[in-house]
Amino acid sequence: MALVTVSVAGRLYDIACDDAQASSVRELAAALDERAERLESQVGMQPEARFLVMLGLTLADELAEARAEIQRLAGDLAAVADGDARLAEGIARMAERIDAVAARLERS
């Protein structure tokens, strides 16, 4: 078990995690700290609890936007897949017609 000390909004926090997760926790904390710096530059100094709630809401908003984009892309992908399936069906029907014409020509 690793104990990783991270800095977010100028405060140090000790986070316990698996040894294999230590690097990831540091990277995530650095990204969170970067967002905290941006938020602080927008809203100024706030009481710690209020600031962390604002930071959490900012991240929740980003997550909601990302989920909405994933849903939109999934819909686009489904539409493309449906179009591909219809195209494949059309190609298969054309191949059947070509085979039928070729069979008639061979019999002639």
N, C-alpha and C. Protein backbone atom coordinates (compact mmCIF):
# COMPACT_ATOMS: atom_id res chain seq x y z
N MET A 1 0.86 -1.17 0.00
CA MET A 1 0.00 0.00 0.00
C MET A 1 0.90 1.23 0.00
N ALA A 2 0.62 2.14 -0.92
CA ALA A 2 1.40 3.37 -1.03
C ALA A 2 0.64 4.51 -0.38
N LEU A 3 1.39 5.49 0.11
CA LEU A 3 0.82 6.72 0.61
C LEU A 3 1.40 7.84 -0.24
N VAL A 4 0.54 8.47 -1.02
CA VAL A 4 0.97 9.49 -1.97
C VAL A 4 0.52 10.85 -1.44
N THR A 5 1.45 11.79 -1.36
CA THR A 5 1.10 13.14 -0.95
C THR A 5 0.91 13.97 -2.21
N VAL A 6 -0.28 14.57 -2.32
CA VAL A 6 -0.60 15.39 -3.49
C VAL A 6 -0.97 16.79 -3.03
N SER A 7 -0.83 17.73 -3.93
CA SER A 7 -1.18 19.12 -3.66
C SER A 7 -2.33 19.52 -4.57
N VAL A 8 -3.41 20.01 -3.94
CA VAL A 8 -4.56 20.51 -4.68
C VAL A 8 -4.93 21.85 -4.07
N ALA A 9 -4.92 22.88 -4.89
CA ALA A 9 -5.29 24.23 -4.45
C ALA A 9 -4.44 24.69 -3.27
N GLY A 10 -3.17 24.35 -3.35
CA GLY A 10 -2.25 24.82 -2.32
C GLY A 10 -2.27 24.04 -1.02
N ARG A 11 -3.02 22.99 -0.95
CA ARG A 11 -3.09 22.17 0.26
C ARG A 11 -2.57 20.77 -0.05
N LEU A 12 -1.90 20.19 0.95
CA LEU A 12 -1.37 18.85 0.78
C LEU A 12 -2.34 17.82 1.35
N TYR A 13 -2.49 16.72 0.62
CA TYR A 13 -3.36 15.64 1.04
C TYR A 13 -2.60 14.32 0.88
N ASP A 14 -2.70 13.47 1.91
CA ASP A 14 -2.11 12.13 1.84
C ASP A 14 -3.19 11.17 1.37
N ILE A 15 -2.90 10.48 0.26
CA ILE A 15 -3.85 9.56 -0.34
C ILE A 15 -3.27 8.15 -0.32
N ALA A 16 -4.01 7.23 0.28
CA ALA A 16 -3.59 5.83 0.31
C ALA A 16 -4.11 5.15 -0.96
N CYS A 17 -3.25 4.37 -1.59
CA CYS A 17 -3.65 3.65 -2.80
C CYS A 17 -2.73 2.45 -2.98
N ASP A 18 -3.11 1.58 -3.91
CA ASP A 18 -2.24 0.46 -4.25
C ASP A 18 -0.95 1.01 -4.86
N ASP A 19 0.13 0.29 -4.68
CA ASP A 19 1.42 0.72 -5.23
C ASP A 19 1.31 0.97 -6.73
N ALA A 20 0.57 0.12 -7.43
CA ALA A 20 0.45 0.24 -8.89
C ALA A 20 -0.33 1.49 -9.30
N GLN A 21 -1.10 2.06 -8.37
CA GLN A 21 -1.92 3.23 -8.69
C GLN A 21 -1.25 4.56 -8.34
N ALA A 22 -0.10 4.52 -7.68
CA ALA A 22 0.54 5.74 -7.18
C ALA A 22 0.81 6.75 -8.30
N SER A 23 1.34 6.29 -9.40
CA SER A 23 1.63 7.19 -10.52
C SER A 23 0.36 7.82 -11.06
N SER A 24 -0.67 7.02 -11.20
CA SER A 24 -1.95 7.52 -11.71
C SER A 24 -2.55 8.54 -10.74
N VAL A 25 -2.46 8.29 -9.44
CA VAL A 25 -2.99 9.22 -8.46
C VAL A 25 -2.26 10.55 -8.56
N ARG A 26 -0.95 10.52 -8.73
CA ARG A 26 -0.17 11.77 -8.89
C ARG A 26 -0.61 12.54 -10.13
N GLU A 27 -0.80 11.82 -11.24
CA GLU A 27 -1.23 12.47 -12.49
C GLU A 27 -2.63 13.08 -12.35
N LEU A 28 -3.54 12.33 -11.73
CA LEU A 28 -4.90 12.83 -11.54
C LEU A 28 -4.89 14.05 -10.61
N ALA A 29 -4.09 14.00 -9.57
CA ALA A 29 -4.01 15.13 -8.65
C ALA A 29 -3.43 16.36 -9.34
N ALA A 30 -2.45 16.15 -10.21
CA ALA A 30 -1.87 17.28 -10.95
C ALA A 30 -2.92 17.91 -11.87
N ALA A 31 -3.73 17.08 -12.52
CA ALA A 31 -4.79 17.60 -13.38
C ALA A 31 -5.83 18.35 -12.54
N LEU A 32 -6.17 17.81 -11.38
CA LEU A 32 -7.12 18.46 -10.49
C LEU A 32 -6.57 19.79 -9.99
N ASP A 33 -5.30 19.80 -9.65
CA ASP A 33 -4.66 21.04 -9.18
C ASP A 33 -4.66 22.10 -10.27
N GLU A 34 -4.43 21.68 -11.51
CA GLU A 34 -4.46 22.61 -12.64
C GLU A 34 -5.85 23.23 -12.78
N ARG A 35 -6.87 22.42 -12.67
CA ARG A 35 -8.25 22.94 -12.74
C ARG A 35 -8.54 23.87 -11.56
N ALA A 36 -8.01 23.50 -10.39
CA ALA A 36 -8.21 24.33 -9.20
C ALA A 36 -7.57 25.70 -9.39
N GLU A 37 -6.39 25.74 -9.98
CA GLU A 37 -5.72 27.02 -10.24
C GLU A 37 -6.56 27.88 -11.19
N ARG A 38 -7.11 27.25 -12.25
CA ARG A 38 -7.96 28.00 -13.18
C ARG A 38 -9.21 28.54 -12.49
N LEU A 39 -9.82 27.70 -11.68
CA LEU A 39 -11.03 28.12 -10.97
C LEU A 39 -10.71 29.25 -9.99
N GLU A 40 -9.62 29.13 -9.28
CA GLU A 40 -9.24 30.17 -8.33
C GLU A 40 -8.98 31.50 -9.04
N SER A 41 -8.41 31.44 -10.23
CA SER A 41 -8.16 32.68 -10.97
C SER A 41 -9.48 33.32 -11.40
N GLN A 42 -10.55 32.52 -11.52
CA GLN A 42 -11.86 33.05 -11.92
C GLN A 42 -12.67 33.56 -10.74
N VAL A 43 -12.63 32.84 -9.63
CA VAL A 43 -13.50 33.18 -8.50
C VAL A 43 -12.77 33.76 -7.30
N GLY A 44 -11.45 33.73 -7.32
CA GLY A 44 -10.68 34.25 -6.19
C GLY A 44 -10.67 33.27 -5.04
N MET A 45 -10.09 33.72 -3.95
CA MET A 45 -9.99 32.88 -2.75
C MET A 45 -11.38 32.66 -2.17
N GLN A 46 -11.65 31.43 -1.79
CA GLN A 46 -12.92 31.04 -1.19
C GLN A 46 -12.60 30.17 0.02
N PRO A 47 -13.53 30.04 0.95
CA PRO A 47 -13.33 29.06 2.02
C PRO A 47 -13.09 27.68 1.40
N GLU A 48 -12.23 26.89 2.03
CA GLU A 48 -11.81 25.61 1.45
C GLU A 48 -12.97 24.71 1.06
N ALA A 49 -13.93 24.52 1.92
CA ALA A 49 -15.05 23.62 1.62
C ALA A 49 -15.84 24.13 0.42
N ARG A 50 -16.11 25.43 0.40
CA ARG A 50 -16.86 26.01 -0.72
C ARG A 50 -16.07 25.84 -2.02
N PHE A 51 -14.77 26.09 -1.95
CA PHE A 51 -13.93 25.97 -3.14
C PHE A 51 -13.92 24.55 -3.66
N LEU A 52 -13.79 23.57 -2.76
CA LEU A 52 -13.76 22.18 -3.20
C LEU A 52 -15.11 21.76 -3.79
N VAL A 53 -16.21 22.29 -3.25
CA VAL A 53 -17.53 22.00 -3.84
C VAL A 53 -17.60 22.60 -5.24
N MET A 54 -17.14 23.83 -5.39
CA MET A 54 -17.14 24.47 -6.71
C MET A 54 -16.28 23.68 -7.68
N LEU A 55 -15.13 23.22 -7.22
CA LEU A 55 -14.24 22.41 -8.06
C LEU A 55 -14.93 21.11 -8.45
N GLY A 56 -15.59 20.47 -7.50
CA GLY A 56 -16.32 19.24 -7.78
C GLY A 56 -17.43 19.47 -8.79
N LEU A 57 -18.15 20.57 -8.66
CA LEU A 57 -19.21 20.89 -9.61
C LEU A 57 -18.66 21.14 -11.00
N THR A 58 -17.51 21.79 -11.07
CA THR A 58 -16.86 22.03 -12.36
C THR A 58 -16.52 20.70 -13.03
N LEU A 59 -15.96 19.78 -12.26
CA LEU A 59 -15.61 18.47 -12.81
C LEU A 59 -16.86 17.67 -13.18
N ALA A 60 -17.91 17.77 -12.36
CA ALA A 60 -19.16 17.07 -12.67
C ALA A 60 -19.75 17.60 -13.98
N ASP A 61 -19.66 18.91 -14.19
CA ASP A 61 -20.15 19.50 -15.43
C ASP A 61 -19.35 18.98 -16.62
N GLU A 62 -18.03 18.94 -16.49
CA GLU A 62 -17.19 18.41 -17.57
C GLU A 62 -17.55 16.96 -17.86
N LEU A 63 -17.78 16.18 -16.81
CA LEU A 63 -18.14 14.77 -16.98
C LEU A 63 -19.48 14.64 -17.69
N ALA A 64 -20.46 15.47 -17.31
CA ALA A 64 -21.77 15.43 -17.95
C ALA A 64 -21.65 15.77 -19.43
N GLU A 65 -20.84 16.77 -19.75
CA GLU A 65 -20.63 17.13 -21.16
C GLU A 65 -19.96 15.99 -21.92
N ALA A 66 -18.98 15.34 -21.29
CA ALA A 66 -18.29 14.22 -21.94
C ALA A 66 -19.25 13.06 -22.18
N ARG A 67 -20.11 12.79 -21.19
CA ARG A 67 -21.09 11.70 -21.35
C ARG A 67 -22.06 12.02 -22.48
N ALA A 68 -22.51 13.27 -22.56
CA ALA A 68 -23.42 13.67 -23.64
C ALA A 68 -22.75 13.51 -25.00
N GLU A 69 -21.48 13.87 -25.09
CA GLU A 69 -20.74 13.73 -26.34
C GLU A 69 -20.57 12.25 -26.70
N ILE A 70 -20.33 11.41 -25.71
CA ILE A 70 -20.21 9.97 -25.96
C ILE A 70 -21.53 9.43 -26.50
N GLN A 71 -22.65 9.86 -25.90
CA GLN A 71 -23.97 9.43 -26.38
C GLN A 71 -24.20 9.88 -27.82
N ARG A 72 -23.82 11.13 -28.12
CA ARG A 72 -23.99 11.63 -29.48
C ARG A 72 -23.15 10.81 -30.46
N LEU A 73 -21.90 10.55 -30.09
CA LEU A 73 -21.02 9.77 -30.96
C LEU A 73 -21.52 8.34 -31.11
N ALA A 74 -22.06 7.77 -30.05
CA ALA A 74 -22.61 6.41 -30.13
C ALA A 74 -23.79 6.39 -31.09
N GLY A 75 -24.61 7.42 -31.05
CA GLY A 75 -25.72 7.51 -32.00
C GLY A 75 -25.23 7.63 -33.42
N ASP A 76 -24.21 8.47 -33.62
CA ASP A 76 -23.62 8.61 -34.96
C ASP A 76 -23.06 7.28 -35.45
N LEU A 77 -22.38 6.58 -34.57
CA LEU A 77 -21.79 5.29 -34.93
C LEU A 77 -22.87 4.27 -35.27
N ALA A 78 -23.96 4.28 -34.51
CA ALA A 78 -25.06 3.35 -34.80
C ALA A 78 -25.67 3.66 -36.16
N ALA A 79 -25.80 4.95 -36.48
CA ALA A 79 -26.35 5.34 -37.78
C ALA A 79 -25.43 4.89 -38.91
N VAL A 80 -24.13 5.04 -38.71
CA VAL A 80 -23.17 4.60 -39.73
C VAL A 80 -23.24 3.09 -39.88
N ALA A 81 -23.30 2.38 -38.76
CA ALA A 81 -23.37 0.92 -38.81
C ALA A 81 -24.64 0.47 -39.51
N ASP A 82 -25.76 1.16 -39.24
CA ASP A 82 -27.02 0.83 -39.91
C ASP A 82 -26.89 1.08 -41.41
N GLY A 83 -26.27 2.20 -41.76
CA GLY A 83 -26.05 2.51 -43.18
C GLY A 83 -25.16 1.49 -43.84
N ASP A 84 -24.12 1.06 -43.13
CA ASP A 84 -23.22 0.03 -43.65
C ASP A 84 -23.97 -1.28 -43.86
N ALA A 85 -24.85 -1.62 -42.91
CA ALA A 85 -25.61 -2.86 -43.03
C ALA A 85 -26.53 -2.81 -44.25
N ARG A 86 -27.19 -1.66 -44.44
CA ARG A 86 -28.07 -1.52 -45.62
C ARG A 86 -27.26 -1.57 -46.90
N LEU A 87 -26.08 -0.96 -46.89
CA LEU A 87 -25.21 -1.00 -48.07
C LEU A 87 -24.78 -2.43 -48.36
N ALA A 88 -24.42 -3.17 -47.32
CA ALA A 88 -24.02 -4.56 -47.50
C ALA A 88 -25.16 -5.40 -48.06
N GLU A 89 -26.38 -5.14 -47.57
CA GLU A 89 -27.54 -5.86 -48.09
C GLU A 89 -27.76 -5.54 -49.57
N GLY A 90 -27.61 -4.28 -49.92
CA GLY A 90 -27.76 -3.88 -51.32
C GLY A 90 -26.72 -4.54 -52.20
N ILE A 91 -25.49 -4.59 -51.74
CA ILE A 91 -24.42 -5.24 -52.50
C ILE A 91 -24.72 -6.73 -52.65
N ALA A 92 -25.20 -7.35 -51.59
CA ALA A 92 -25.53 -8.78 -51.66
C ALA A 92 -26.65 -9.02 -52.68
N ARG A 93 -27.68 -8.17 -52.69
CA ARG A 93 -28.76 -8.32 -53.68
C ARG A 93 -28.23 -8.14 -55.10
N MET A 94 -27.34 -7.16 -55.30
CA MET A 94 -26.75 -6.95 -56.63
C MET A 94 -25.93 -8.16 -57.05
N ALA A 95 -25.19 -8.73 -56.10
CA ALA A 95 -24.40 -9.92 -56.41
C ALA A 95 -25.30 -11.07 -56.83
N GLU A 96 -26.44 -11.22 -56.15
CA GLU A 96 -27.39 -12.28 -56.52
C GLU A 96 -27.92 -12.05 -57.94
N ARG A 97 -28.23 -10.82 -58.27
CA ARG A 97 -28.72 -10.50 -59.62
C ARG A 97 -27.66 -10.80 -60.67
N ILE A 98 -26.42 -10.41 -60.38
CA ILE A 98 -25.32 -10.66 -61.32
C ILE A 98 -25.15 -12.16 -61.52
N ASP A 99 -25.23 -12.92 -60.41
CA ASP A 99 -25.11 -14.38 -60.52
C ASP A 99 -26.24 -14.95 -61.37
N ALA A 100 -27.45 -14.43 -61.18
CA ALA A 100 -28.59 -14.92 -61.96
C ALA A 100 -28.40 -14.61 -63.44
N VAL A 101 -27.94 -13.40 -63.77
CA VAL A 101 -27.68 -13.04 -65.18
C VAL A 101 -26.58 -13.93 -65.74
N ALA A 102 -25.53 -14.14 -64.97
CA ALA A 102 -24.42 -14.98 -65.45
C ALA A 102 -24.93 -16.41 -65.69
N ALA A 103 -25.77 -16.92 -64.81
CA ALA A 103 -26.31 -18.28 -65.00
C ALA A 103 -27.15 -18.36 -66.26
N ARG A 104 -27.97 -17.32 -66.54
CA ARG A 104 -28.79 -17.32 -67.76
C ARG A 104 -27.89 -17.26 -69.00
N LEU A 105 -26.83 -16.47 -68.94
CA LEU A 105 -25.91 -16.36 -70.08
C LEU A 105 -25.22 -17.69 -70.34
N GLU A 106 -24.87 -18.39 -69.28
CA GLU A 106 -24.22 -19.68 -69.45
C GLU A 106 -25.16 -20.70 -70.08
N ARG A 107 -26.45 -20.62 -69.78
CA ARG A 107 -27.42 -21.55 -70.34
C ARG A 107 -27.74 -21.22 -71.79
N SER A 108 -27.50 -19.99 -72.20
CA SER A 108 -27.86 -19.59 -73.57
C SER A 108 -26.88 -20.10 -74.56
